[in-house]
């Protein structure tokens, strides 16, 4: 199962910093745990450097959302039972964690075939553009805002993304990792 997507280039460093700060872990401690220098952690977090394949895999494994507690499973249940189009993905890898029936109405394959797989390959041009601008919106700040944007219709063999207004929210899971709630905004 792929654990990396194109989006990691823009979000890996800020995601690592946010996770480390929220979990009160010093760069030196994380560097020791990963077997790298503190200055390398600093360069990754600032975006001045990107981790190599082995280090990228370690960081991705560290940060990927794992909804394992009862509270996290309740969030998955709420998404799965929602009456509006909504889905939940790992904020870093875009792996699908849950989807509502109203979201999957435009899917031509069973949800099980997409579960725990990155959805990034289905991103429309608008979604890709917004993704690469998340830092500018304050997404990686401790109390980052929701981001609302318009997306165009995009057709894929497996699913259709309808033209819509989308709201994304970054939600911390019980273990300090992040999921992204993706909701269609009601028409004004």
N, C-alpha and C. Protein backbone atom coordinates (compact mmCIF):
# COMPACT_ATOMS: atom_id res chain seq x y z
N UNK A 1 0.84 -1.18 0.00
CA UNK A 1 0.00 0.00 0.00
C UNK A 1 0.89 1.25 0.00
N UNK A 2 0.67 2.19 -0.94
CA UNK A 2 1.50 3.39 -0.96
C UNK A 2 1.27 4.25 0.28
N UNK A 3 2.36 4.80 0.80
CA UNK A 3 2.22 5.68 1.95
C UNK A 3 2.59 7.10 1.61
N UNK A 4 3.07 7.34 0.39
CA UNK A 4 3.48 8.67 0.01
C UNK A 4 2.61 9.20 -1.11
N UNK A 5 2.46 10.50 -1.15
CA UNK A 5 1.76 11.15 -2.24
C UNK A 5 2.54 12.40 -2.61
N UNK A 6 2.20 13.00 -3.71
CA UNK A 6 2.87 14.21 -4.15
C UNK A 6 2.76 15.32 -3.11
N UNK A 7 1.73 15.31 -2.33
CA UNK A 7 1.50 16.38 -1.37
C UNK A 7 2.52 16.38 -0.23
N UNK A 8 3.19 15.28 0.00
CA UNK A 8 4.17 15.22 1.09
C UNK A 8 5.27 16.26 0.93
N UNK A 9 5.63 16.60 -0.29
CA UNK A 9 6.68 17.60 -0.51
C UNK A 9 6.33 18.92 0.17
N UNK A 10 5.08 19.30 0.18
CA UNK A 10 4.71 20.60 0.76
C UNK A 10 4.25 20.51 2.20
N UNK A 11 3.86 19.34 2.66
CA UNK A 11 3.28 19.29 4.01
C UNK A 11 4.08 18.48 5.02
N UNK A 12 5.06 17.74 4.60
CA UNK A 12 5.77 16.88 5.54
C UNK A 12 6.47 17.68 6.63
N UNK A 13 7.24 18.70 6.27
CA UNK A 13 7.96 19.51 7.27
C UNK A 13 7.03 20.21 8.24
N UNK A 14 6.03 20.96 7.74
CA UNK A 14 5.11 21.63 8.67
C UNK A 14 4.32 20.64 9.53
N UNK A 15 3.95 19.50 8.96
CA UNK A 15 3.23 18.48 9.74
C UNK A 15 4.11 17.92 10.85
N UNK A 16 5.37 17.68 10.53
CA UNK A 16 6.31 17.16 11.52
C UNK A 16 6.48 18.17 12.66
N UNK A 17 6.65 19.44 12.32
CA UNK A 17 6.81 20.46 13.35
C UNK A 17 5.57 20.54 14.24
N UNK A 18 4.40 20.57 13.62
CA UNK A 18 3.17 20.69 14.41
C UNK A 18 3.02 19.48 15.34
N UNK A 19 3.26 18.28 14.85
CA UNK A 19 3.15 17.08 15.67
C UNK A 19 4.15 17.14 16.83
N UNK A 20 5.37 17.54 16.53
CA UNK A 20 6.42 17.59 17.54
C UNK A 20 6.08 18.62 18.63
N UNK A 21 5.63 19.80 18.24
CA UNK A 21 5.29 20.86 19.20
C UNK A 21 4.10 20.44 20.05
N UNK A 22 3.05 19.91 19.43
CA UNK A 22 1.87 19.50 20.19
C UNK A 22 2.16 18.36 21.15
N UNK A 23 3.13 17.52 20.81
CA UNK A 23 3.49 16.40 21.67
C UNK A 23 4.67 16.75 22.59
N UNK A 24 5.09 18.02 22.55
CA UNK A 24 6.17 18.53 23.41
C UNK A 24 7.44 17.69 23.30
N UNK A 25 7.81 17.43 22.07
CA UNK A 25 9.04 16.68 21.79
C UNK A 25 10.05 17.64 21.19
N UNK A 26 11.23 17.69 21.75
CA UNK A 26 12.28 18.58 21.26
C UNK A 26 12.88 18.01 19.98
N UNK A 27 13.40 18.91 19.16
CA UNK A 27 14.06 18.47 17.92
C UNK A 27 15.18 17.49 18.22
N UNK A 28 15.93 17.73 19.29
CA UNK A 28 17.05 16.85 19.64
C UNK A 28 16.57 15.43 19.94
N UNK A 29 15.46 15.32 20.66
CA UNK A 29 14.92 14.00 21.01
C UNK A 29 14.43 13.28 19.76
N UNK A 30 13.70 13.98 18.91
CA UNK A 30 13.21 13.37 17.67
C UNK A 30 14.38 12.97 16.79
N UNK A 31 15.40 13.83 16.71
CA UNK A 31 16.58 13.52 15.90
C UNK A 31 17.24 12.23 16.39
N UNK A 32 17.38 12.10 17.70
CA UNK A 32 17.99 10.89 18.26
C UNK A 32 17.14 9.66 17.93
N UNK A 33 15.82 9.79 18.06
CA UNK A 33 14.93 8.66 17.75
C UNK A 33 14.98 8.26 16.29
N UNK A 34 15.16 9.23 15.40
CA UNK A 34 15.21 8.93 13.96
C UNK A 34 16.62 8.63 13.46
N UNK A 35 17.62 8.87 14.33
CA UNK A 35 19.00 8.60 13.93
C UNK A 35 19.57 9.64 12.99
N UNK A 36 19.16 10.91 13.17
CA UNK A 36 19.66 12.01 12.34
C UNK A 36 20.09 13.14 13.25
N UNK A 37 20.63 14.20 12.68
CA UNK A 37 21.05 15.35 13.48
C UNK A 37 19.87 16.29 13.74
N UNK A 38 20.00 17.09 14.81
CA UNK A 38 18.98 18.08 15.13
C UNK A 38 18.86 19.09 14.00
N UNK A 39 19.97 19.45 13.38
CA UNK A 39 19.92 20.44 12.29
C UNK A 39 19.17 19.89 11.08
N UNK A 40 19.22 18.58 10.88
CA UNK A 40 18.46 17.98 9.78
C UNK A 40 16.95 18.10 10.06
N UNK A 41 16.54 17.84 11.30
CA UNK A 41 15.13 18.00 11.68
C UNK A 41 14.71 19.45 11.41
N UNK A 42 15.54 20.39 11.81
CA UNK A 42 15.24 21.81 11.62
C UNK A 42 15.08 22.14 10.14
N UNK A 43 15.97 21.63 9.30
CA UNK A 43 15.88 21.90 7.85
C UNK A 43 14.63 21.27 7.25
N UNK A 44 14.24 20.07 7.71
CA UNK A 44 13.01 19.44 7.21
C UNK A 44 11.80 20.27 7.59
N UNK A 45 11.75 20.69 8.87
CA UNK A 45 10.60 21.44 9.35
C UNK A 45 10.45 22.78 8.65
N UNK A 46 11.57 23.41 8.32
CA UNK A 46 11.52 24.73 7.65
C UNK A 46 11.28 24.60 6.15
N UNK A 47 11.42 23.40 5.62
CA UNK A 47 11.26 23.20 4.18
C UNK A 47 12.54 23.45 3.41
N UNK A 48 13.65 23.71 4.11
CA UNK A 48 14.93 23.92 3.42
C UNK A 48 15.50 22.63 2.85
N UNK A 49 15.02 21.49 3.35
CA UNK A 49 15.47 20.18 2.85
C UNK A 49 14.31 19.21 2.97
N UNK A 50 14.38 18.16 2.19
CA UNK A 50 13.38 17.10 2.23
C UNK A 50 14.06 15.82 2.70
N UNK A 51 13.38 15.03 3.52
CA UNK A 51 13.97 13.76 3.95
C UNK A 51 14.11 12.80 2.77
N UNK A 52 15.15 11.95 2.85
CA UNK A 52 15.35 10.95 1.80
C UNK A 52 14.34 9.82 1.96
N UNK A 53 14.42 8.82 1.11
CA UNK A 53 13.44 7.73 1.10
C UNK A 53 13.25 7.04 2.44
N UNK A 54 14.34 6.61 3.08
CA UNK A 54 14.22 5.89 4.35
C UNK A 54 13.71 6.81 5.46
N UNK A 55 14.25 8.02 5.53
CA UNK A 55 13.80 8.97 6.55
C UNK A 55 12.36 9.40 6.28
N UNK A 56 12.00 9.60 5.02
CA UNK A 56 10.63 9.97 4.65
C UNK A 56 9.66 8.89 5.09
N UNK A 57 10.03 7.64 4.88
CA UNK A 57 9.17 6.54 5.28
C UNK A 57 8.98 6.52 6.80
N UNK A 58 10.07 6.72 7.57
CA UNK A 58 9.97 6.76 9.03
C UNK A 58 9.03 7.88 9.49
N UNK A 59 9.18 9.06 8.89
CA UNK A 59 8.36 10.21 9.29
C UNK A 59 6.90 9.97 8.91
N UNK A 60 6.69 9.43 7.72
CA UNK A 60 5.33 9.15 7.27
C UNK A 60 4.66 8.14 8.22
N UNK A 61 5.39 7.11 8.60
CA UNK A 61 4.85 6.12 9.53
C UNK A 61 4.55 6.77 10.89
N UNK A 62 5.40 7.70 11.30
CA UNK A 62 5.21 8.39 12.58
C UNK A 62 3.96 9.27 12.55
N UNK A 63 3.72 9.96 11.44
CA UNK A 63 2.66 10.97 11.37
C UNK A 63 1.34 10.49 10.80
N UNK A 64 1.33 9.35 10.14
CA UNK A 64 0.07 8.95 9.48
C UNK A 64 -1.00 8.64 10.52
N UNK A 65 -2.19 9.13 10.22
CA UNK A 65 -3.32 9.00 11.15
C UNK A 65 -3.68 7.54 11.37
N UNK A 66 -3.87 7.21 12.65
CA UNK A 66 -4.30 5.87 13.04
C UNK A 66 -5.44 6.00 14.04
N UNK A 67 -6.65 6.07 13.57
CA UNK A 67 -7.79 6.22 14.51
C UNK A 67 -8.04 4.91 15.25
N UNK A 68 -7.43 4.78 16.44
CA UNK A 68 -7.48 3.50 17.17
C UNK A 68 -8.27 3.54 18.46
N UNK A 69 -8.44 4.71 19.07
CA UNK A 69 -9.13 4.77 20.36
C UNK A 69 -10.64 4.78 20.15
N UNK A 70 -11.36 4.62 21.23
CA UNK A 70 -12.83 4.66 21.15
C UNK A 70 -13.31 6.01 20.63
N UNK A 71 -12.68 7.09 21.07
CA UNK A 71 -13.08 8.42 20.59
C UNK A 71 -12.84 8.56 19.09
N UNK A 72 -11.71 8.06 18.63
CA UNK A 72 -11.41 8.13 17.19
C UNK A 72 -12.39 7.26 16.39
N UNK A 73 -12.71 6.10 16.91
CA UNK A 73 -13.67 5.22 16.22
C UNK A 73 -15.06 5.85 16.20
N UNK A 74 -15.41 6.61 17.25
CA UNK A 74 -16.68 7.32 17.26
C UNK A 74 -16.71 8.38 16.15
N UNK A 75 -15.60 9.05 15.92
CA UNK A 75 -15.51 10.02 14.82
C UNK A 75 -15.72 9.31 13.48
N UNK A 76 -15.10 8.16 13.30
CA UNK A 76 -15.30 7.39 12.07
C UNK A 76 -16.77 7.02 11.90
N UNK A 77 -17.41 6.60 12.98
CA UNK A 77 -18.84 6.24 12.93
C UNK A 77 -19.69 7.45 12.54
N UNK A 78 -19.39 8.61 13.13
CA UNK A 78 -20.16 9.82 12.81
C UNK A 78 -20.04 10.16 11.32
N UNK A 79 -18.83 10.05 10.78
CA UNK A 79 -18.63 10.33 9.36
C UNK A 79 -19.37 9.32 8.52
N UNK A 80 -19.25 8.04 8.86
CA UNK A 80 -19.88 6.97 8.09
C UNK A 80 -21.41 7.08 8.10
N UNK A 81 -21.97 7.64 9.16
CA UNK A 81 -23.42 7.74 9.29
C UNK A 81 -23.98 9.12 8.92
N UNK A 82 -23.13 10.04 8.52
CA UNK A 82 -23.57 11.39 8.21
C UNK A 82 -24.50 11.40 7.00
N UNK A 83 -25.46 12.30 7.02
CA UNK A 83 -26.40 12.40 5.91
C UNK A 83 -25.88 13.31 4.80
N UNK A 84 -24.86 14.10 5.09
CA UNK A 84 -24.31 15.00 4.08
C UNK A 84 -23.05 14.40 3.45
N UNK A 85 -22.62 14.89 2.28
CA UNK A 85 -21.40 14.38 1.67
C UNK A 85 -20.18 14.78 2.50
N UNK A 86 -19.53 13.80 3.09
CA UNK A 86 -18.38 14.05 3.95
C UNK A 86 -17.47 12.82 3.93
N UNK A 87 -16.17 13.07 4.04
CA UNK A 87 -15.25 11.97 4.23
C UNK A 87 -14.07 12.42 5.09
N UNK A 88 -13.36 11.45 5.64
CA UNK A 88 -12.25 11.69 6.54
C UNK A 88 -11.03 10.99 5.96
N UNK A 89 -9.93 11.74 5.87
CA UNK A 89 -8.68 11.18 5.38
C UNK A 89 -7.55 11.51 6.34
N UNK A 90 -6.47 10.77 6.25
CA UNK A 90 -5.24 11.13 6.97
C UNK A 90 -4.78 12.46 6.40
N UNK A 91 -4.50 13.43 7.24
CA UNK A 91 -4.11 14.75 6.76
C UNK A 91 -2.81 14.70 5.97
N UNK A 92 -1.91 13.82 6.31
CA UNK A 92 -0.61 13.77 5.64
C UNK A 92 -0.65 12.95 4.36
N UNK A 93 -1.23 11.77 4.41
CA UNK A 93 -1.15 10.85 3.26
C UNK A 93 -2.40 10.82 2.40
N UNK A 94 -3.47 11.43 2.87
CA UNK A 94 -4.76 11.43 2.17
C UNK A 94 -5.38 10.03 2.07
N UNK A 95 -4.96 9.12 2.94
CA UNK A 95 -5.58 7.78 2.99
C UNK A 95 -7.00 7.92 3.50
N UNK A 96 -7.93 7.26 2.83
CA UNK A 96 -9.33 7.31 3.23
C UNK A 96 -9.53 6.56 4.53
N UNK A 97 -10.16 7.23 5.51
CA UNK A 97 -10.44 6.62 6.81
C UNK A 97 -11.93 6.32 6.98
N UNK A 98 -12.79 7.15 6.38
CA UNK A 98 -14.24 6.96 6.49
C UNK A 98 -14.92 7.83 5.44
N UNK A 99 -16.13 7.42 5.04
CA UNK A 99 -16.91 8.20 4.07
C UNK A 99 -18.40 7.98 4.32
N UNK A 100 -19.16 9.03 4.12
CA UNK A 100 -20.62 8.93 4.29
C UNK A 100 -21.26 8.37 3.02
N UNK A 101 -22.45 7.78 3.16
CA UNK A 101 -23.17 7.29 1.97
C UNK A 101 -23.42 8.42 0.96
N UNK A 102 -23.68 9.63 1.44
CA UNK A 102 -23.91 10.75 0.52
C UNK A 102 -22.65 11.10 -0.27
N UNK A 103 -21.47 10.83 0.30
CA UNK A 103 -20.22 11.06 -0.43
C UNK A 103 -20.02 9.96 -1.47
N UNK A 104 -20.29 8.74 -1.10
CA UNK A 104 -19.96 7.61 -1.98
C UNK A 104 -20.97 7.42 -3.11
N UNK A 105 -22.04 8.22 -3.14
CA UNK A 105 -23.03 8.10 -4.20
C UNK A 105 -22.38 8.34 -5.58
N UNK A 106 -21.31 9.10 -5.64
CA UNK A 106 -20.61 9.37 -6.89
C UNK A 106 -19.44 8.43 -7.14
N UNK A 107 -19.34 7.37 -6.36
CA UNK A 107 -18.26 6.41 -6.52
C UNK A 107 -18.76 5.20 -7.29
N UNK A 108 -18.01 4.76 -8.26
CA UNK A 108 -18.41 3.62 -9.09
C UNK A 108 -17.74 2.31 -8.66
N UNK A 109 -16.99 2.36 -7.58
CA UNK A 109 -16.39 1.15 -7.02
C UNK A 109 -16.75 1.10 -5.53
N UNK A 110 -16.70 -0.08 -4.93
CA UNK A 110 -17.04 -0.17 -3.50
C UNK A 110 -16.08 0.66 -2.64
N UNK A 111 -16.60 1.23 -1.59
CA UNK A 111 -15.78 2.01 -0.66
C UNK A 111 -14.61 1.19 -0.14
N UNK A 112 -14.82 -0.09 0.05
CA UNK A 112 -13.76 -0.96 0.57
C UNK A 112 -12.52 -0.96 -0.33
N UNK A 113 -12.70 -0.70 -1.63
CA UNK A 113 -11.56 -0.66 -2.54
C UNK A 113 -10.74 0.62 -2.40
N UNK A 114 -11.33 1.64 -1.79
CA UNK A 114 -10.62 2.90 -1.57
C UNK A 114 -10.17 3.08 -0.12
N UNK A 115 -10.76 2.31 0.79
CA UNK A 115 -10.45 2.45 2.21
C UNK A 115 -8.96 2.20 2.47
N UNK A 116 -8.37 3.10 3.26
CA UNK A 116 -6.97 3.04 3.66
C UNK A 116 -6.02 3.20 2.48
N UNK A 117 -6.51 3.78 1.40
CA UNK A 117 -5.68 4.09 0.23
C UNK A 117 -5.70 5.60 0.01
N UNK A 118 -4.58 6.17 -0.46
CA UNK A 118 -4.55 7.62 -0.71
C UNK A 118 -5.54 8.02 -1.81
N UNK A 119 -6.26 9.10 -1.58
CA UNK A 119 -7.20 9.63 -2.58
C UNK A 119 -6.58 10.74 -3.43
N UNK A 120 -5.33 11.05 -3.19
CA UNK A 120 -4.67 12.17 -3.88
C UNK A 120 -4.76 12.04 -5.40
N UNK A 121 -4.71 10.85 -5.93
CA UNK A 121 -4.75 10.68 -7.39
C UNK A 121 -6.07 11.17 -7.98
N UNK A 122 -7.09 11.35 -7.15
CA UNK A 122 -8.39 11.84 -7.61
C UNK A 122 -8.55 13.35 -7.41
N UNK A 123 -7.52 14.02 -6.99
CA UNK A 123 -7.62 15.46 -6.72
C UNK A 123 -7.79 16.24 -8.02
N UNK A 124 -8.78 17.13 -8.01
CA UNK A 124 -8.97 18.02 -9.15
C UNK A 124 -7.87 19.08 -9.13
N UNK A 125 -7.78 19.86 -10.18
CA UNK A 125 -6.79 20.94 -10.24
C UNK A 125 -6.98 21.92 -9.09
N UNK A 126 -8.23 22.26 -8.78
CA UNK A 126 -8.50 23.19 -7.67
C UNK A 126 -8.03 22.62 -6.34
N UNK A 127 -8.28 21.34 -6.13
CA UNK A 127 -7.85 20.69 -4.89
C UNK A 127 -6.33 20.72 -4.79
N UNK A 128 -5.65 20.41 -5.88
CA UNK A 128 -4.18 20.43 -5.88
C UNK A 128 -3.64 21.83 -5.59
N UNK A 129 -4.26 22.83 -6.18
CA UNK A 129 -3.82 24.21 -5.96
C UNK A 129 -3.98 24.60 -4.49
N UNK A 130 -5.14 24.33 -3.92
CA UNK A 130 -5.38 24.67 -2.52
C UNK A 130 -4.42 23.91 -1.61
N UNK A 131 -4.19 22.65 -1.90
CA UNK A 131 -3.29 21.83 -1.09
C UNK A 131 -1.91 22.46 -0.99
N UNK A 132 -1.42 22.98 -2.10
CA UNK A 132 -0.07 23.57 -2.11
C UNK A 132 -0.05 24.97 -1.50
N UNK A 133 -1.22 25.50 -1.15
CA UNK A 133 -1.30 26.82 -0.51
C UNK A 133 -1.71 26.73 0.96
N UNK A 134 -1.80 25.54 1.52
CA UNK A 134 -2.28 25.39 2.89
C UNK A 134 -1.45 26.17 3.91
N UNK A 135 -0.15 26.19 3.74
CA UNK A 135 0.70 26.96 4.67
C UNK A 135 0.30 28.41 4.69
N UNK A 136 -0.02 28.97 3.53
CA UNK A 136 -0.41 30.38 3.43
C UNK A 136 -1.72 30.64 4.18
N UNK A 137 -2.56 29.62 4.33
CA UNK A 137 -3.82 29.76 5.05
C UNK A 137 -3.67 29.52 6.55
N UNK A 138 -2.45 29.18 7.02
CA UNK A 138 -2.23 28.90 8.43
C UNK A 138 -2.63 27.49 8.84
N UNK A 139 -2.77 26.60 7.88
CA UNK A 139 -3.24 25.23 8.12
C UNK A 139 -2.40 24.50 9.16
N UNK A 140 -1.10 24.72 9.16
CA UNK A 140 -0.21 23.96 10.04
C UNK A 140 0.03 24.64 11.39
N UNK A 141 -0.64 25.74 11.63
CA UNK A 141 -0.52 26.43 12.93
C UNK A 141 -1.31 25.63 13.98
N UNK A 142 -0.97 25.82 15.27
CA UNK A 142 -1.66 25.05 16.31
C UNK A 142 -3.19 25.16 16.27
N UNK A 143 -3.72 26.32 15.97
CA UNK A 143 -5.17 26.49 15.86
C UNK A 143 -5.52 26.91 14.44
N UNK A 144 -5.04 26.14 13.48
CA UNK A 144 -5.25 26.47 12.08
C UNK A 144 -6.74 26.53 11.72
N UNK A 145 -7.08 27.42 10.80
CA UNK A 145 -8.49 27.61 10.42
C UNK A 145 -8.97 26.54 9.44
N UNK A 146 -10.28 26.42 9.33
CA UNK A 146 -10.85 25.66 8.22
C UNK A 146 -10.49 26.39 6.94
N UNK A 147 -10.43 25.65 5.86
CA UNK A 147 -10.18 26.23 4.54
C UNK A 147 -11.38 25.88 3.67
N UNK A 148 -11.94 26.89 3.01
CA UNK A 148 -13.09 26.71 2.14
C UNK A 148 -12.68 27.09 0.72
N UNK A 149 -13.06 26.27 -0.25
CA UNK A 149 -12.69 26.55 -1.63
C UNK A 149 -13.69 25.90 -2.59
N UNK A 150 -13.65 26.33 -3.81
CA UNK A 150 -14.50 25.77 -4.87
C UNK A 150 -13.68 24.75 -5.65
N UNK A 151 -14.31 23.66 -6.01
CA UNK A 151 -13.65 22.69 -6.89
C UNK A 151 -14.52 22.43 -8.10
N UNK A 152 -13.85 22.17 -9.20
CA UNK A 152 -14.56 21.86 -10.43
C UNK A 152 -14.87 20.36 -10.49
N UNK A 153 -15.76 20.01 -11.38
CA UNK A 153 -16.10 18.60 -11.60
C UNK A 153 -14.87 17.90 -12.18
N UNK A 154 -14.62 16.70 -11.68
CA UNK A 154 -13.52 15.88 -12.20
C UNK A 154 -14.00 14.44 -12.34
N UNK A 155 -13.81 13.88 -13.51
CA UNK A 155 -14.27 12.51 -13.81
C UNK A 155 -13.09 11.54 -13.79
N UNK A 156 -13.27 10.45 -13.09
CA UNK A 156 -12.31 9.36 -13.06
C UNK A 156 -13.07 8.07 -13.27
N UNK A 157 -12.41 7.02 -13.68
CA UNK A 157 -13.09 5.74 -13.88
C UNK A 157 -13.75 5.27 -12.59
N UNK A 158 -13.11 5.52 -11.46
CA UNK A 158 -13.59 5.01 -10.18
C UNK A 158 -14.64 5.90 -9.52
N UNK A 159 -14.58 7.20 -9.78
CA UNK A 159 -15.48 8.13 -9.09
C UNK A 159 -15.55 9.46 -9.81
N UNK A 160 -16.54 10.24 -9.41
CA UNK A 160 -16.70 11.60 -9.91
C UNK A 160 -16.60 12.55 -8.73
N UNK A 161 -15.85 13.63 -8.92
CA UNK A 161 -15.86 14.72 -7.95
C UNK A 161 -16.79 15.77 -8.54
N UNK A 162 -17.94 16.02 -7.92
CA UNK A 162 -18.85 17.03 -8.47
C UNK A 162 -18.33 18.45 -8.22
N UNK A 163 -18.74 19.38 -9.06
CA UNK A 163 -18.42 20.77 -8.80
C UNK A 163 -19.09 21.14 -7.48
N UNK A 164 -18.32 21.69 -6.56
CA UNK A 164 -18.89 22.01 -5.26
C UNK A 164 -18.00 22.97 -4.49
N UNK A 165 -18.56 23.44 -3.39
CA UNK A 165 -17.82 24.25 -2.43
C UNK A 165 -17.45 23.31 -1.29
N UNK A 166 -16.17 23.26 -0.95
CA UNK A 166 -15.63 22.30 0.02
C UNK A 166 -15.10 23.04 1.24
N UNK A 167 -15.32 22.45 2.41
CA UNK A 167 -14.72 22.93 3.66
C UNK A 167 -13.86 21.80 4.20
N UNK A 168 -12.60 22.11 4.48
CA UNK A 168 -11.72 21.12 5.10
C UNK A 168 -11.35 21.60 6.50
N UNK A 169 -11.33 20.65 7.44
CA UNK A 169 -10.99 20.92 8.84
C UNK A 169 -9.93 19.93 9.26
N UNK A 170 -8.92 20.41 9.95
CA UNK A 170 -7.84 19.54 10.44
C UNK A 170 -8.18 19.15 11.87
N UNK A 171 -8.37 17.85 12.11
CA UNK A 171 -8.79 17.35 13.41
C UNK A 171 -7.69 16.51 14.06
N UNK A 172 -7.33 16.82 15.29
CA UNK A 172 -6.35 15.96 15.97
C UNK A 172 -7.02 14.67 16.44
N UNK A 173 -6.35 13.57 16.21
CA UNK A 173 -6.82 12.29 16.75
C UNK A 173 -6.26 12.14 18.16
N UNK A 174 -6.67 11.11 18.84
CA UNK A 174 -6.27 10.91 20.24
C UNK A 174 -4.76 10.81 20.43
N UNK A 175 -4.06 10.31 19.41
CA UNK A 175 -2.61 10.12 19.55
C UNK A 175 -1.79 11.32 19.07
N UNK A 176 -2.45 12.44 18.75
CA UNK A 176 -1.73 13.63 18.32
C UNK A 176 -1.49 13.71 16.82
N UNK A 177 -1.88 12.70 16.08
CA UNK A 177 -1.79 12.75 14.63
C UNK A 177 -3.06 13.41 14.10
N UNK A 178 -3.08 13.75 12.81
CA UNK A 178 -4.19 14.53 12.29
C UNK A 178 -4.94 13.84 11.17
N UNK A 179 -6.24 14.06 11.20
CA UNK A 179 -7.12 13.64 10.11
C UNK A 179 -7.72 14.92 9.52
N UNK A 180 -8.23 14.79 8.31
CA UNK A 180 -8.85 15.92 7.62
C UNK A 180 -10.29 15.57 7.31
N UNK A 181 -11.19 16.39 7.81
CA UNK A 181 -12.61 16.23 7.52
C UNK A 181 -12.92 17.07 6.28
N UNK A 182 -13.48 16.43 5.27
CA UNK A 182 -13.78 17.08 3.98
C UNK A 182 -15.29 17.08 3.82
N UNK A 183 -15.90 18.28 3.84
CA UNK A 183 -17.36 18.40 3.76
C UNK A 183 -17.75 19.28 2.59
N UNK A 184 -18.86 18.93 1.95
CA UNK A 184 -19.46 19.82 0.97
C UNK A 184 -20.21 20.91 1.74
N UNK A 185 -20.02 22.14 1.34
CA UNK A 185 -20.74 23.26 1.95
C UNK A 185 -22.12 23.34 1.31
N UNK A 186 -23.16 23.60 2.09
CA UNK A 186 -24.49 23.76 1.50
C UNK A 186 -24.51 24.95 0.54
N UNK A 187 -25.34 24.85 -0.47
CA UNK A 187 -25.48 25.96 -1.43
C UNK A 187 -26.02 27.18 -0.71
N UNK A 188 -25.48 28.33 -1.07
CA UNK A 188 -25.90 29.58 -0.39
C UNK A 188 -27.26 30.04 -0.85
